[in-house]
N, C-alpha and C. Protein backbone atom coordinates (compact mmCIF):
# COMPACT_ATOMS: atom_id res chain seq x y z
N MET A 1 113.00 91.27 95.66
CA MET A 1 112.59 92.36 94.90
C MET A 1 112.18 93.36 96.00
N ASP A 2 112.80 94.60 95.75
CA ASP A 2 112.35 95.73 96.56
C ASP A 2 111.20 96.59 95.92
N ALA A 3 110.58 97.45 96.52
CA ALA A 3 109.39 97.88 96.15
C ALA A 3 109.66 98.82 94.76
N ALA A 4 110.60 99.37 94.33
CA ALA A 4 110.90 99.95 93.23
C ALA A 4 111.14 98.88 92.12
N ALA A 5 111.59 97.80 92.44
CA ALA A 5 111.90 96.63 91.33
C ALA A 5 110.31 96.20 90.93
N ILE A 6 109.55 95.90 91.92
CA ILE A 6 108.00 95.53 91.84
C ILE A 6 107.46 96.58 90.85
N ALA A 7 107.50 97.82 91.24
CA ALA A 7 106.89 98.87 90.47
C ALA A 7 107.29 98.90 88.98
N THR A 8 108.74 98.63 88.81
CA THR A 8 109.07 98.49 87.45
C THR A 8 108.71 97.43 86.59
N TYR A 9 108.40 96.42 87.56
CA TYR A 9 108.16 94.95 86.96
C TYR A 9 106.64 95.31 86.28
N ILE A 10 105.70 96.01 87.04
CA ILE A 10 104.29 96.33 86.71
C ILE A 10 104.03 96.96 85.47
N THR A 11 104.89 98.29 85.50
CA THR A 11 104.68 99.14 84.62
C THR A 11 105.71 98.47 83.23
N ALA A 12 106.59 97.90 83.38
CA ALA A 12 107.16 97.31 82.26
C ALA A 12 106.69 96.10 81.49
N THR A 13 105.95 95.22 82.34
CA THR A 13 105.40 94.03 81.90
C THR A 13 104.06 93.97 81.27
N PHE A 14 103.22 95.02 81.88
CA PHE A 14 101.76 95.08 81.53
C PHE A 14 101.20 96.23 80.72
N PRO A 15 100.50 96.17 79.59
CA PRO A 15 100.28 97.30 78.66
C PRO A 15 99.16 98.39 79.57
N GLU A 16 99.42 99.60 79.05
CA GLU A 16 98.30 100.44 79.53
C GLU A 16 98.18 100.88 81.04
N VAL A 17 99.46 100.65 81.79
CA VAL A 17 99.52 100.76 83.37
C VAL A 17 99.69 102.34 83.50
N GLU A 18 99.09 103.14 84.31
CA GLU A 18 99.09 104.35 84.61
C GLU A 18 99.41 104.11 86.21
N THR A 19 99.96 105.15 86.72
CA THR A 19 100.35 105.16 88.39
C THR A 19 99.95 106.59 88.65
N SER A 20 99.57 106.36 90.03
CA SER A 20 99.48 107.66 90.72
C SER A 20 99.92 107.47 92.23
N GLU A 21 100.37 108.67 92.90
CA GLU A 21 100.67 108.52 94.31
C GLU A 21 99.78 109.28 95.42
N ALA A 22 99.54 108.65 96.25
CA ALA A 22 98.54 109.38 97.36
C ALA A 22 98.85 108.45 98.62
N PHE A 23 98.75 109.08 99.70
CA PHE A 23 98.78 108.55 101.12
C PHE A 23 99.88 107.69 101.39
N GLY A 24 100.79 107.87 100.72
CA GLY A 24 102.14 106.73 101.02
C GLY A 24 101.93 105.62 100.07
N TYR A 25 100.89 105.78 99.18
CA TYR A 25 100.69 104.45 98.27
C TYR A 25 101.08 104.88 96.96
N THR A 26 101.48 103.73 96.11
CA THR A 26 101.48 103.94 94.45
C THR A 26 100.38 102.90 94.06
N PHE A 27 99.46 103.71 93.42
CA PHE A 27 98.36 102.75 92.97
C PHE A 27 98.53 102.59 91.34
N PHE A 28 98.33 101.46 90.69
CA PHE A 28 98.44 100.81 89.55
C PHE A 28 96.93 101.06 88.83
N PHE A 29 96.83 101.54 87.96
CA PHE A 29 95.44 101.49 87.20
C PHE A 29 95.67 100.88 85.70
N TYR A 30 94.78 100.48 85.12
CA TYR A 30 94.50 100.17 83.79
C TYR A 30 94.15 101.28 83.06
N GLY A 31 94.95 101.95 82.29
CA GLY A 31 94.51 103.09 81.64
C GLY A 31 94.26 104.34 82.28
N PRO A 32 93.72 105.36 81.68
CA PRO A 32 93.58 106.76 82.37
C PRO A 32 92.47 106.90 83.25
N ASP A 33 91.17 106.17 83.17
CA ASP A 33 90.36 106.19 84.01
C ASP A 33 90.20 106.10 85.56
N ARG A 34 91.16 105.74 85.84
CA ARG A 34 91.65 105.51 87.22
C ARG A 34 90.52 105.43 88.39
N MET A 35 89.63 104.25 87.90
CA MET A 35 88.27 103.78 88.56
C MET A 35 88.71 103.25 89.71
N LEU A 36 89.65 102.14 89.48
CA LEU A 36 89.86 101.24 90.61
C LEU A 36 91.18 100.65 90.38
N PRO A 37 92.08 100.56 91.43
CA PRO A 37 93.44 100.26 91.23
C PRO A 37 93.46 98.68 90.93
N PHE A 38 94.35 98.01 90.28
CA PHE A 38 94.27 96.66 90.15
C PHE A 38 95.58 96.02 90.95
N ALA A 39 96.29 97.19 91.57
CA ALA A 39 97.33 96.84 92.44
C ALA A 39 97.92 98.13 93.12
N THR A 40 98.47 98.09 94.59
CA THR A 40 98.96 99.13 95.08
C THR A 40 100.25 98.65 95.72
N LEU A 41 100.94 99.57 96.03
CA LEU A 41 102.49 99.52 97.00
C LEU A 41 101.98 100.42 97.98
N ALA A 42 102.40 99.89 99.23
CA ALA A 42 102.36 100.73 100.46
C ALA A 42 103.76 100.63 101.06
N ALA A 43 104.51 101.45 101.45
CA ALA A 43 105.89 101.44 101.77
C ALA A 43 106.15 102.08 102.99
N SER A 44 105.04 102.44 103.74
CA SER A 44 105.25 102.89 105.05
C SER A 44 103.73 102.94 105.75
N ASP A 45 103.76 103.08 107.10
CA ASP A 45 102.77 103.04 107.60
C ASP A 45 102.29 104.56 107.62
N ASN A 46 100.74 104.62 107.93
CA ASN A 46 100.22 105.98 107.68
C ASN A 46 98.88 105.89 108.75
N ASP A 47 98.20 107.15 108.79
CA ASP A 47 97.20 107.18 109.62
C ASP A 47 96.18 106.12 109.71
N HIS A 48 95.91 105.81 108.20
CA HIS A 48 94.70 104.55 107.91
C HIS A 48 95.31 103.30 108.04
N ASP A 49 96.50 102.94 108.26
CA ASP A 49 97.09 101.73 107.89
C ASP A 49 98.37 101.32 108.66
N ARG A 50 98.21 100.66 109.83
CA ARG A 50 99.34 100.44 110.58
C ARG A 50 99.58 98.90 110.85
N VAL A 51 98.70 98.05 110.25
CA VAL A 51 98.69 96.58 110.55
C VAL A 51 99.76 95.84 110.22
N SER A 52 100.41 96.44 109.32
CA SER A 52 101.89 95.57 108.60
C SER A 52 103.11 96.23 109.14
N ASN A 53 102.94 97.02 109.88
CA ASN A 53 104.47 97.61 110.59
C ASN A 53 105.11 97.80 109.51
N LEU A 54 104.83 98.58 108.41
CA LEU A 54 105.53 98.91 107.22
C LEU A 54 106.73 99.93 107.47
N ASP A 55 106.93 100.46 108.76
CA ASP A 55 108.01 101.42 108.93
C ASP A 55 109.31 100.69 109.36
N ARG A 56 109.30 99.27 109.08
CA ARG A 56 110.53 98.66 109.25
C ARG A 56 111.48 99.02 108.12
N PRO A 57 112.65 98.86 108.13
CA PRO A 57 113.25 99.38 107.05
C PRO A 57 113.35 98.30 105.80
N GLY A 58 113.00 98.81 104.73
CA GLY A 58 113.08 97.89 103.46
C GLY A 58 111.73 96.99 103.49
N VAL A 59 110.75 97.11 104.28
CA VAL A 59 109.44 96.67 104.27
C VAL A 59 108.33 97.20 103.50
N TYR A 60 108.00 96.63 102.55
CA TYR A 60 106.53 97.28 101.85
C TYR A 60 105.54 96.18 101.80
N ARG A 61 104.36 96.72 101.38
CA ARG A 61 103.53 95.51 101.11
C ARG A 61 102.80 95.80 99.64
N LEU A 62 102.62 94.83 98.95
CA LEU A 62 102.06 94.92 97.51
C LEU A 62 100.60 94.01 97.74
N ASN A 63 99.63 94.95 97.11
CA ASN A 63 98.14 94.54 97.37
C ASN A 63 97.69 94.43 95.71
N ILE A 64 96.92 93.45 95.66
CA ILE A 64 96.47 92.97 94.33
C ILE A 64 95.24 92.58 94.37
N GLY A 65 94.44 93.01 93.55
CA GLY A 65 92.99 92.67 93.35
C GLY A 65 92.42 91.50 92.15
N VAL A 66 92.16 90.33 92.83
CA VAL A 66 92.05 89.13 92.05
C VAL A 66 90.99 88.73 91.84
N GLY A 67 90.21 87.91 91.07
CA GLY A 67 89.02 87.56 90.72
C GLY A 67 88.52 86.66 92.19
N ARG A 68 87.26 86.52 92.44
CA ARG A 68 86.66 85.95 93.49
C ARG A 68 87.17 84.43 93.71
N LYS A 69 87.15 83.89 92.46
CA LYS A 69 87.55 82.45 92.43
C LYS A 69 88.89 82.05 92.84
N THR A 70 89.80 83.20 92.12
CA THR A 70 91.22 82.92 92.60
C THR A 70 91.22 83.11 94.21
N PHE A 71 90.65 84.33 94.71
CA PHE A 71 90.71 84.47 96.22
C PHE A 71 90.40 83.23 96.98
N GLN A 72 88.96 82.76 96.44
CA GLN A 72 88.50 81.70 97.42
C GLN A 72 89.68 80.40 97.17
N SER A 73 90.33 80.20 95.93
CA SER A 73 91.18 79.01 96.06
C SER A 73 92.35 79.22 96.84
N LEU A 74 92.64 80.74 97.09
CA LEU A 74 93.70 80.61 98.03
C LEU A 74 93.30 80.50 99.67
N PHE A 75 91.99 81.02 99.78
CA PHE A 75 91.73 81.16 101.15
C PHE A 75 90.50 80.43 101.70
N GLY A 76 89.74 79.88 100.95
CA GLY A 76 88.61 78.91 100.97
C GLY A 76 87.58 80.06 100.70
N SER A 77 86.31 79.32 100.85
CA SER A 77 84.81 79.83 100.32
C SER A 77 84.19 80.48 101.59
N GLU A 78 84.56 80.09 102.89
CA GLU A 78 83.87 80.20 103.85
C GLU A 78 83.81 81.23 104.58
N GLY A 79 84.77 82.39 104.03
CA GLY A 79 85.01 83.55 104.54
C GLY A 79 86.42 83.67 105.03
N VAL A 80 87.03 84.71 105.23
CA VAL A 80 88.31 84.95 105.72
C VAL A 80 88.05 85.35 107.25
N VAL A 81 88.91 84.76 108.22
CA VAL A 81 89.12 85.17 109.42
C VAL A 81 90.30 85.96 109.55
N LEU A 82 90.27 87.21 109.57
CA LEU A 82 91.56 88.12 109.45
C LEU A 82 92.36 88.01 110.62
N GLY A 83 91.96 87.39 111.98
CA GLY A 83 92.53 87.13 113.10
C GLY A 83 93.53 86.02 112.95
N ASP A 84 93.24 85.09 111.71
CA ASP A 84 94.19 84.05 111.65
C ASP A 84 95.41 84.48 111.08
N HIS A 85 95.75 85.69 110.63
CA HIS A 85 96.48 85.88 109.87
C HIS A 85 97.73 87.05 110.50
N ASP A 86 99.02 86.93 110.37
CA ASP A 86 99.92 87.94 111.00
C ASP A 86 100.44 88.57 109.79
N PHE A 87 99.78 89.87 109.74
CA PHE A 87 100.13 90.70 108.62
C PHE A 87 101.57 91.51 108.58
N THR A 88 102.40 91.06 109.47
CA THR A 88 103.63 91.59 109.69
C THR A 88 104.75 90.50 108.88
N THR A 89 104.12 89.28 108.51
CA THR A 89 105.07 88.23 107.93
C THR A 89 105.42 88.79 106.60
N LEU A 90 106.76 88.48 106.28
CA LEU A 90 107.40 88.87 104.93
C LEU A 90 107.04 87.38 104.04
N ASP A 91 106.84 87.78 102.74
CA ASP A 91 107.15 86.70 101.66
C ASP A 91 105.94 85.87 101.97
N ARG A 92 104.61 86.10 102.32
CA ARG A 92 103.74 85.13 102.40
C ARG A 92 102.22 85.79 101.72
N ILE A 93 101.70 85.25 101.09
CA ILE A 93 100.57 85.87 100.41
C ILE A 93 99.15 85.61 101.36
N MET A 94 98.58 86.64 101.61
CA MET A 94 97.58 86.62 102.60
C MET A 94 96.39 87.48 102.22
N PRO A 95 95.10 87.18 102.87
CA PRO A 95 94.17 88.22 102.61
C PRO A 95 94.74 89.74 102.90
N HIS A 96 94.12 90.62 102.03
CA HIS A 96 94.25 91.96 102.60
C HIS A 96 93.59 92.48 103.87
N PRO A 97 94.52 93.24 104.70
CA PRO A 97 93.72 93.15 105.94
C PRO A 97 92.36 94.12 105.98
N GLU A 98 92.29 95.14 104.91
CA GLU A 98 91.03 96.07 104.93
C GLU A 98 90.05 95.53 103.78
N TYR A 99 90.64 95.02 102.64
CA TYR A 99 89.98 94.81 101.44
C TYR A 99 89.82 93.29 100.99
N ALA A 100 89.88 92.40 101.96
CA ALA A 100 89.56 91.26 101.61
C ALA A 100 88.50 90.58 100.99
N ALA A 101 87.09 91.45 101.53
CA ALA A 101 86.05 91.25 100.89
C ALA A 101 85.76 91.70 99.48
N GLN A 102 86.57 92.39 98.98
CA GLN A 102 86.48 92.86 97.50
C GLN A 102 87.73 92.03 96.88
N SER A 103 88.21 90.99 97.51
CA SER A 103 89.08 90.17 96.78
C SER A 103 90.58 90.68 96.57
N PHE A 104 90.75 91.17 97.52
CA PHE A 104 92.26 91.99 97.32
C PHE A 104 93.26 90.81 98.47
N VAL A 105 94.26 90.48 97.65
CA VAL A 105 95.13 89.68 98.74
C VAL A 105 96.50 90.81 98.88
N CYS A 106 97.42 90.37 99.43
CA CYS A 106 98.70 91.30 99.95
C CYS A 106 99.81 90.10 100.17
N VAL A 107 101.24 90.90 100.05
CA VAL A 107 102.16 90.06 100.47
C VAL A 107 103.22 90.99 100.78
N LEU A 108 103.89 90.94 101.74
CA LEU A 108 104.99 91.95 102.23
C LEU A 108 106.27 91.41 101.51
N ASN A 109 107.00 92.26 100.97
CA ASN A 109 108.09 91.82 100.22
C ASN A 109 108.26 90.66 99.59
N PRO A 110 107.47 90.69 98.58
CA PRO A 110 107.45 89.23 98.02
C PRO A 110 108.76 88.91 97.39
N GLY A 111 109.26 87.50 97.69
CA GLY A 111 110.33 87.02 97.29
C GLY A 111 110.58 85.42 96.99
N GLU A 112 111.42 84.75 97.15
CA GLU A 112 111.69 83.40 96.84
C GLU A 112 110.44 82.62 97.21
N ASN A 113 109.40 82.61 98.06
CA ASN A 113 108.52 81.73 98.30
C ASN A 113 107.12 82.25 97.28
N THR A 114 107.05 83.37 97.13
CA THR A 114 105.81 83.88 96.56
C THR A 114 105.92 84.62 95.03
N LEU A 115 107.08 84.91 94.62
CA LEU A 115 107.31 85.98 93.42
C LEU A 115 106.58 85.17 92.32
N GLN A 116 106.83 83.88 92.09
CA GLN A 116 106.21 83.55 90.86
C GLN A 116 104.68 83.45 90.76
N THR A 117 104.20 83.20 92.16
CA THR A 117 102.70 83.44 92.16
C THR A 117 102.10 84.87 92.13
N VAL A 118 102.80 85.41 92.83
CA VAL A 118 102.49 87.29 92.61
C VAL A 118 102.46 87.30 91.25
N GLN A 119 103.47 87.02 90.52
CA GLN A 119 103.54 87.42 89.04
C GLN A 119 102.17 87.08 88.37
N GLY A 120 101.76 85.76 88.49
CA GLY A 120 100.39 85.26 88.03
C GLY A 120 99.28 86.07 88.58
N LEU A 121 99.22 86.45 89.64
CA LEU A 121 98.09 87.33 90.43
C LEU A 121 98.15 88.57 89.79
N LEU A 122 99.48 89.32 89.43
CA LEU A 122 99.30 90.55 88.99
C LEU A 122 98.64 90.44 87.52
N ALA A 123 99.26 89.45 86.92
CA ALA A 123 98.57 89.37 85.58
C ALA A 123 97.14 89.10 85.56
N GLU A 124 96.60 88.26 86.42
CA GLU A 124 95.14 88.33 86.32
C GLU A 124 94.52 89.66 86.87
N ALA A 125 95.11 90.11 87.63
CA ALA A 125 94.56 91.49 88.37
C ALA A 125 94.33 92.63 87.28
N HIS A 126 95.46 92.53 86.17
CA HIS A 126 95.27 93.46 85.34
C HIS A 126 94.39 93.06 84.06
N ALA A 127 94.30 92.17 83.84
CA ALA A 127 93.36 91.44 83.06
C ALA A 127 92.17 91.60 83.38
N LEU A 128 91.65 91.78 84.62
CA LEU A 128 90.38 91.82 85.34
C LEU A 128 90.22 93.60 85.00
N ALA A 129 91.23 94.38 85.37
CA ALA A 129 91.25 95.72 85.12
C ALA A 129 90.88 96.10 83.72
N ALA A 130 91.64 95.57 82.73
CA ALA A 130 91.25 95.70 81.46
C ALA A 130 89.75 95.52 81.08
N GLN A 131 89.39 94.15 81.31
CA GLN A 131 87.91 93.73 81.30
C GLN A 131 87.09 94.68 81.72
N ARG A 132 87.13 95.24 82.79
CA ARG A 132 86.25 96.32 83.52
C ARG A 132 86.23 97.69 82.68
N HIS A 133 87.60 97.83 82.16
CA HIS A 133 87.70 99.21 81.31
C HIS A 133 86.92 99.09 80.06
N ALA A 134 87.00 97.84 79.51
CA ALA A 134 86.41 97.49 78.35
C ALA A 134 84.80 97.49 78.38
N ARG A 135 84.33 97.16 79.51
CA ARG A 135 82.97 97.22 79.67
C ARG A 135 82.33 98.55 79.54
N ARG A 136 83.24 99.35 80.16
CA ARG A 136 82.86 100.75 80.58
C ARG A 136 82.77 101.51 79.27
N GLU A 137 83.80 101.25 78.46
CA GLU A 137 83.84 101.75 77.23
C GLU A 137 82.86 101.45 76.06
N LYS A 138 82.37 100.24 76.21
CA LYS A 138 81.53 99.56 75.26
C LYS A 138 80.34 100.62 74.94
N PRO A 139 79.76 100.86 73.98
CA PRO A 139 78.69 101.73 74.00
C PRO A 139 77.23 100.92 73.92
N GLY A 140 76.41 101.74 74.26
CA GLY A 140 75.17 101.02 74.51
C GLY A 140 74.79 100.46 75.91
């Protein structure tokens, strides 16, 4: 899947998704509050992010905010050593190079090896965003 297909998948699959673009990223939010994106797409390097070498033709990175338990099930509970990961590798789920501490994962060009897992992670991230939104909207 290319970046446009992933973006279409997210907006067509999950309810109440809104997007915005800034700094070369597409941000996916639950609803209009735009407090914290549940996923982002980065399709090129910028001044703040060069670790994934996204200026290669057709390469993009999908970033997904998952729950702590899911993050730990993927990478262990002892903490992530970012130096153990090659953030230029395609189609491999990795901790996010900047936001691993916030339980963000990433994958460059999700494909045959990761697409099914990525779809589940996106569903979890969207559900978590919906829960955060509901808590903020709750009176009292």
